[in-house]
Amino acid sequence: MLFSFSAHCDQLNLSVDKDVLISGEPFYLTISYDGNSNSNPNLDPLKKDFQIISNSVSRSVNIINGNMSQTKQWRIGLIPLKEGKIKISPLKLDNLTSNYIDIDVKETTDVAYIDDSKHNSNAPFLQVKQISDTKEPYIQQQVTFLVTLYDS
């Protein structure tokens, strides 16, 4: 069996699952590397603005019509340490540098919360009403259950 492999340029790219967050909300940064290095990216620049809560890696090799491609992905769980606009700086892997990403971390009160008391100033103002047609159903008896959500 004979394979011929074509050369391609190594690439390092960053992406996030969401770029607008609420303070304290976790998100995932995906680092995608198209190449064949066994190195890992330097994550130290992330520690300035984020808490790293998880780190996983996956690798795939594809050979299609004699052309081989390798992809390695790191999925990093992060929690922002501050609010406002944060730039995820380019990361380095060997001699490659990735793109940067801007995210916006909003205060909890900037989202959809209003003051409802002195003790719980960030609680949402909601009311839930639930009605069941049967108070004590038999096993496997059908029950109609109505939930109404009131939002002001």
C-alpha atoms as a PDB file:
ATOM      1  CA  MET A   1       0.000   0.000   0.000  1.00  0.00           C
ATOM      2  CA  LEU A   2       1.445   3.362  -1.005  1.00  0.00           C
ATOM      3  CA  PHE A   3       0.384   6.710   0.460  1.00  0.00           C
ATOM      4  CA  SER A   4       1.369  10.143  -0.735  1.00  0.00           C
ATOM      5  CA  PHE A   5       0.925  12.949   1.738  1.00  0.00           C
ATOM      6  CA  SER A   6       0.509  16.567   0.767  1.00  0.00           C
ATOM      7  CA  ALA A   7       2.008  19.307   2.896  1.00  0.00           C
ATOM      8  CA  HIS A   8      -0.088  22.039   4.419  1.00  0.00           C
ATOM      9  CA  CYS A   9       0.518  24.953   6.761  1.00  0.00           C
ATOM     10  CA  ASP A  10       0.008  24.415  10.469  1.00  0.00           C
ATOM     11  CA  GLN A  11      -2.753  26.574  11.960  1.00  0.00           C
ATOM     12  CA  LEU A  12      -3.738  27.516  15.513  1.00  0.00           C
ATOM     13  CA  ASN A  13      -7.214  28.989  16.091  1.00  0.00           C
ATOM     14  CA  LEU A  14      -9.224  30.048  19.132  1.00  0.00           C
ATOM     15  CA  SER A  15     -13.020  29.944  19.419  1.00  0.00           C
ATOM     16  CA  VAL A  16     -15.509  30.282  22.285  1.00  0.00           C
ATOM     17  CA  ASP A  17     -18.968  28.810  22.785  1.00  0.00           C
ATOM     18  CA  LYS A  18     -20.323  32.241  23.809  1.00  0.00           C
ATOM     19  CA  ASP A  19     -18.866  35.732  23.788  1.00  0.00           C
ATOM     20  CA  VAL A  20     -21.353  37.517  26.058  1.00  0.00           C
ATOM     21  CA  LEU A  21     -21.429  36.200  29.638  1.00  0.00           C
ATOM     22  CA  ILE A  22     -22.877  36.969  33.041  1.00  0.00           C
ATOM     23  CA  SER A  23     -20.369  37.488  35.842  1.00  0.00           C
ATOM     24  CA  GLY A  24     -19.311  34.095  37.244  1.00  0.00           C
ATOM     25  CA  GLU A  25     -20.711  32.133  34.280  1.00  0.00           C
ATOM     26  CA  PRO A  26     -18.389  29.445  32.861  1.00  0.00           C
ATOM     27  CA  PHE A  27     -17.681  29.104  29.151  1.00  0.00           C
ATOM     28  CA  TYR A  28     -15.475  26.973  26.916  1.00  0.00           C
ATOM     29  CA  LEU A  29     -12.470  28.091  24.918  1.00  0.00           C
ATOM     30  CA  THR A  30     -11.559  25.715  22.101  1.00  0.00           C
ATOM     31  CA  ILE A  31      -8.017  25.760  20.774  1.00  0.00           C
ATOM     32  CA  SER A  32      -7.824  24.035  17.386  1.00  0.00           C
ATOM     33  CA  TYR A  33      -4.490  23.027  15.928  1.00  0.00           C
ATOM     34  CA  ASP A  34      -4.098  21.625  12.421  1.00  0.00           C
ATOM     35  CA  GLY A  35      -0.651  20.052  12.382  1.00  0.00           C
ATOM     36  CA  ASN A  36       1.413  17.271  13.892  1.00  0.00           C
ATOM     37  CA  SER A  37       3.238  18.771  16.888  1.00  0.00           C
ATOM     38  CA  ASN A  38       3.078  16.934  20.215  1.00  0.00           C
ATOM     39  CA  SER A  39       3.450  20.163  22.198  1.00  0.00           C
ATOM     40  CA  ASN A  40       0.738  21.824  24.258  1.00  0.00           C
ATOM     41  CA  PRO A  41      -0.201  25.505  24.085  1.00  0.00           C
ATOM     42  CA  ASN A  42       0.976  27.814  26.849  1.00  0.00           C
ATOM     43  CA  LEU A  43      -2.136  28.603  28.944  1.00  0.00           C
ATOM     44  CA  ASP A  44      -0.381  31.001  31.351  1.00  0.00           C
ATOM     45  CA  PRO A  45      -1.761  34.156  29.635  1.00  0.00           C
ATOM     46  CA  LEU A  46      -5.303  32.942  30.460  1.00  0.00           C
ATOM     47  CA  LYS A  47      -4.647  32.854  34.216  1.00  0.00           C
ATOM     48  CA  LYS A  48      -4.509  36.651  34.408  1.00  0.00           C
ATOM     49  CA  ASP A  49      -8.218  37.086  33.586  1.00  0.00           C
ATOM     50  CA  PHE A  50      -9.734  33.610  34.057  1.00  0.00           C
ATOM     51  CA  GLN A  51      -9.956  30.681  36.416  1.00  0.00           C
ATOM     52  CA  ILE A  52      -9.261  27.445  34.531  1.00  0.00           C
ATOM     53  CA  ILE A  53     -11.847  24.878  35.673  1.00  0.00           C
ATOM     54  CA  SER A  54     -11.333  22.081  33.131  1.00  0.00           C
ATOM     55  CA  ASN A  55      -8.984  21.025  30.378  1.00  0.00           C
ATOM     56  CA  SER A  56      -9.495  18.216  27.876  1.00  0.00           C
ATOM     57  CA  VAL A  57      -7.797  17.289  24.617  1.00  0.00           C
ATOM     58  CA  SER A  58      -8.813  15.294  21.549  1.00  0.00           C
ATOM     59  CA  ARG A  59      -6.880  14.305  18.466  1.00  0.00           C
ATOM     60  CA  SER A  60      -8.002  13.077  15.048  1.00  0.00           C
ATOM     61  CA  VAL A  61      -6.147  11.853  11.974  1.00  0.00           C
ATOM     62  CA  ASN A  62      -7.878  11.740   8.588  1.00  0.00           C
ATOM     63  CA  ILE A  63      -6.535  10.150   5.424  1.00  0.00           C
ATOM     64  CA  ILE A  64      -8.692  10.929   2.412  1.00  0.00           C
ATOM     65  CA  ASN A  65      -7.501  10.053  -1.098  1.00  0.00           C
ATOM     66  CA  GLY A  66      -3.926   9.832   0.155  1.00  0.00           C
ATOM     67  CA  ASN A  67      -4.054  13.253   1.830  1.00  0.00           C
ATOM     68  CA  MET A  68      -3.434  13.155   5.566  1.00  0.00           C
ATOM     69  CA  SER A  69      -4.620  15.810   7.994  1.00  0.00           C
ATOM     70  CA  GLN A  70      -4.248  15.905  11.753  1.00  0.00           C
ATOM     71  CA  THR A  71      -6.311  17.986  14.134  1.00  0.00           C
ATOM     72  CA  LYS A  72      -5.813  18.427  17.846  1.00  0.00           C
ATOM     73  CA  GLN A  73      -8.328  20.310  19.998  1.00  0.00           C
ATOM     74  CA  TRP A  74      -8.064  21.504  23.566  1.00  0.00           C
ATOM     75  CA  ARG A  75     -11.329  22.415  25.287  1.00  0.00           C
ATOM     76  CA  ILE A  76     -10.632  24.701  28.238  1.00  0.00           C
ATOM     77  CA  GLY A  77     -13.377  25.537  30.762  1.00  0.00           C
ATOM     78  CA  LEU A  78     -12.966  29.099  32.024  1.00  0.00           C
ATOM     79  CA  ILE A  79     -14.657  31.450  34.495  1.00  0.00           C
ATOM     80  CA  PRO A  80     -13.924  35.184  34.113  1.00  0.00           C
ATOM     81  CA  LEU A  81     -12.330  36.848  37.154  1.00  0.00           C
ATOM     82  CA  LYS A  82     -13.590  40.345  36.308  1.00  0.00           C
ATOM     83  CA  GLU A  83     -16.407  42.118  34.509  1.00  0.00           C
ATOM     84  CA  GLY A  84     -16.326  44.213  31.347  1.00  0.00           C
ATOM     85  CA  LYS A  85     -14.691  43.626  27.991  1.00  0.00           C
ATOM     86  CA  ILE A  86     -11.896  41.048  28.154  1.00  0.00           C
ATOM     87  CA  LYS A  87      -9.520  40.202  25.333  1.00  0.00           C
ATOM     88  CA  ILE A  88      -8.343  36.596  25.238  1.00  0.00           C
ATOM     89  CA  SER A  89      -4.776  37.165  24.108  1.00  0.00           C
ATOM     90  CA  PRO A  90      -3.272  35.098  21.318  1.00  0.00           C
ATOM     91  CA  LEU A  91      -1.832  31.811  22.587  1.00  0.00           C
ATOM     92  CA  LYS A  92       1.397  30.204  21.394  1.00  0.00           C
ATOM     93  CA  LEU A  93       2.168  26.642  20.352  1.00  0.00           C
ATOM     94  CA  ASP A  94       5.727  26.051  19.160  1.00  0.00           C
ATOM     95  CA  ASN A  95       6.291  28.845  16.608  1.00  0.00           C
ATOM     96  CA  LEU A  96       2.571  29.437  15.910  1.00  0.00           C
ATOM     97  CA  THR A  97       0.441  32.231  17.359  1.00  0.00           C
ATOM     98  CA  SER A  98      -3.354  32.060  17.450  1.00  0.00           C
ATOM     99  CA  ASN A  99      -5.964  34.708  16.876  1.00  0.00           C
ATOM    100  CA  TYR A 100      -7.414  36.716  19.774  1.00  0.00           C
ATOM    101  CA  ILE A 101     -11.040  36.820  20.930  1.00  0.00           C
ATOM    102  CA  ASP A 102     -13.019  39.559  22.673  1.00  0.00           C
ATOM    103  CA  ILE A 103     -15.664  38.602  25.219  1.00  0.00           C
ATOM    104  CA  ASP A 104     -18.049  40.774  27.214  1.00  0.00           C
ATOM    105  CA  VAL A 105     -18.715  39.876  30.852  1.00  0.00           C
ATOM    106  CA  LYS A 106     -21.783  41.665  32.217  1.00  0.00           C
ATOM    107  CA  GLU A 107     -22.799  42.308  35.796  1.00  0.00           C
ATOM    108  CA  THR A 108     -25.669  40.174  37.017  1.00  0.00           C
ATOM    109  CA  THR A 109     -27.794  43.306  37.462  1.00  0.00           C
ATOM    110  CA  ASP A 110     -27.221  44.274  33.803  1.00  0.00           C
ATOM    111  CA  VAL A 111     -29.039  41.213  32.538  1.00  0.00           C
ATOM    112  CA  ALA A 112     -32.750  40.980  33.487  1.00  0.00           C
ATOM    113  CA  TYR A 113     -32.863  41.375  37.220  1.00  0.00           C
ATOM    114  CA  ILE A 114     -34.591  44.018  39.304  1.00  0.00           C
ATOM    115  CA  ASP A 115     -34.512  44.860  42.978  1.00  0.00           C
ATOM    116  CA  ASP A 116     -37.349  43.148  44.864  1.00  0.00           C
ATOM    117  CA  SER A 117     -36.200  43.471  48.471  1.00  0.00           C
ATOM    118  CA  LYS A 118     -33.386  44.771  50.650  1.00  0.00           C
ATOM    119  CA  HIS A 119     -32.170  41.218  51.401  1.00  0.00           C
ATOM    120  CA  ASN A 120     -32.277  39.759  47.904  1.00  0.00           C
ATOM    121  CA  SER A 121     -31.472  42.575  45.509  1.00  0.00           C
ATOM    122  CA  ASN A 122     -30.446  40.420  42.536  1.00  0.00           C
ATOM    123  CA  ALA A 123     -33.359  37.969  42.500  1.00  0.00           C
ATOM    124  CA  PRO A 124     -35.572  37.839  39.409  1.00  0.00           C
ATOM    125  CA  PHE A 125     -39.113  39.096  39.907  1.00  0.00           C
ATOM    126  CA  LEU A 126     -41.140  36.008  38.979  1.00  0.00           C
ATOM    127  CA  GLN A 127     -44.279  34.271  40.205  1.00  0.00           C
ATOM    128  CA  VAL A 128     -45.125  30.624  39.505  1.00  0.00           C
ATOM    129  CA  LYS A 129     -48.640  29.194  39.782  1.00  0.00           C
ATOM    130  CA  GLN A 130     -49.263  25.461  39.382  1.00  0.00           C
ATOM    131  CA  ILE A 131     -52.558  23.565  39.182  1.00  0.00           C
ATOM    132  CA  SER A 132     -53.150  19.801  39.044  1.00  0.00           C
ATOM    133  CA  ASP A 133     -56.502  18.234  38.162  1.00  0.00           C
ATOM    134  CA  THR A 134     -55.917  15.309  40.558  1.00  0.00           C
ATOM    135  CA  LYS A 135     -54.557  15.684  44.086  1.00  0.00           C
ATOM    136  CA  GLU A 136     -53.802  11.976  44.689  1.00  0.00           C
ATOM    137  CA  PRO A 137     -53.354  10.129  41.370  1.00  0.00           C
ATOM    138  CA  TYR A 138     -53.131   6.359  41.023  1.00  0.00           C
ATOM    139  CA  ILE A 139     -49.967   4.742  39.660  1.00  0.00           C
ATOM    140  CA  GLN A 140     -49.677   5.453  35.909  1.00  0.00           C
ATOM    141  CA  GLN A 141     -52.832   7.591  35.936  1.00  0.00           C
ATOM    142  CA  GLN A 142     -52.761  10.529  33.537  1.00  0.00           C
ATOM    143  CA  VAL A 143     -52.572  13.870  35.324  1.00  0.00           C
ATOM    144  CA  THR A 144     -53.067  17.275  33.768  1.00  0.00           C
ATOM    145  CA  PHE A 145     -50.611  19.712  35.284  1.00  0.00           C
ATOM    146  CA  LEU A 146     -50.694  23.402  34.400  1.00  0.00           C
ATOM    147  CA  VAL A 147     -47.786  25.707  35.238  1.00  0.00           C
ATOM    148  CA  THR A 148     -48.141  29.431  34.700  1.00  0.00           C
ATOM    149  CA  LEU A 149     -45.112  31.701  34.911  1.00  0.00           C
ATOM    150  CA  TYR A 150     -45.708  35.405  35.546  1.00  0.00           C
ATOM    151  CA  ASP A 151     -42.922  37.854  34.809  1.00  0.00           C
ATOM    152  CA  SER A 152     -43.119  41.584  35.335  1.00  0.00           C
END
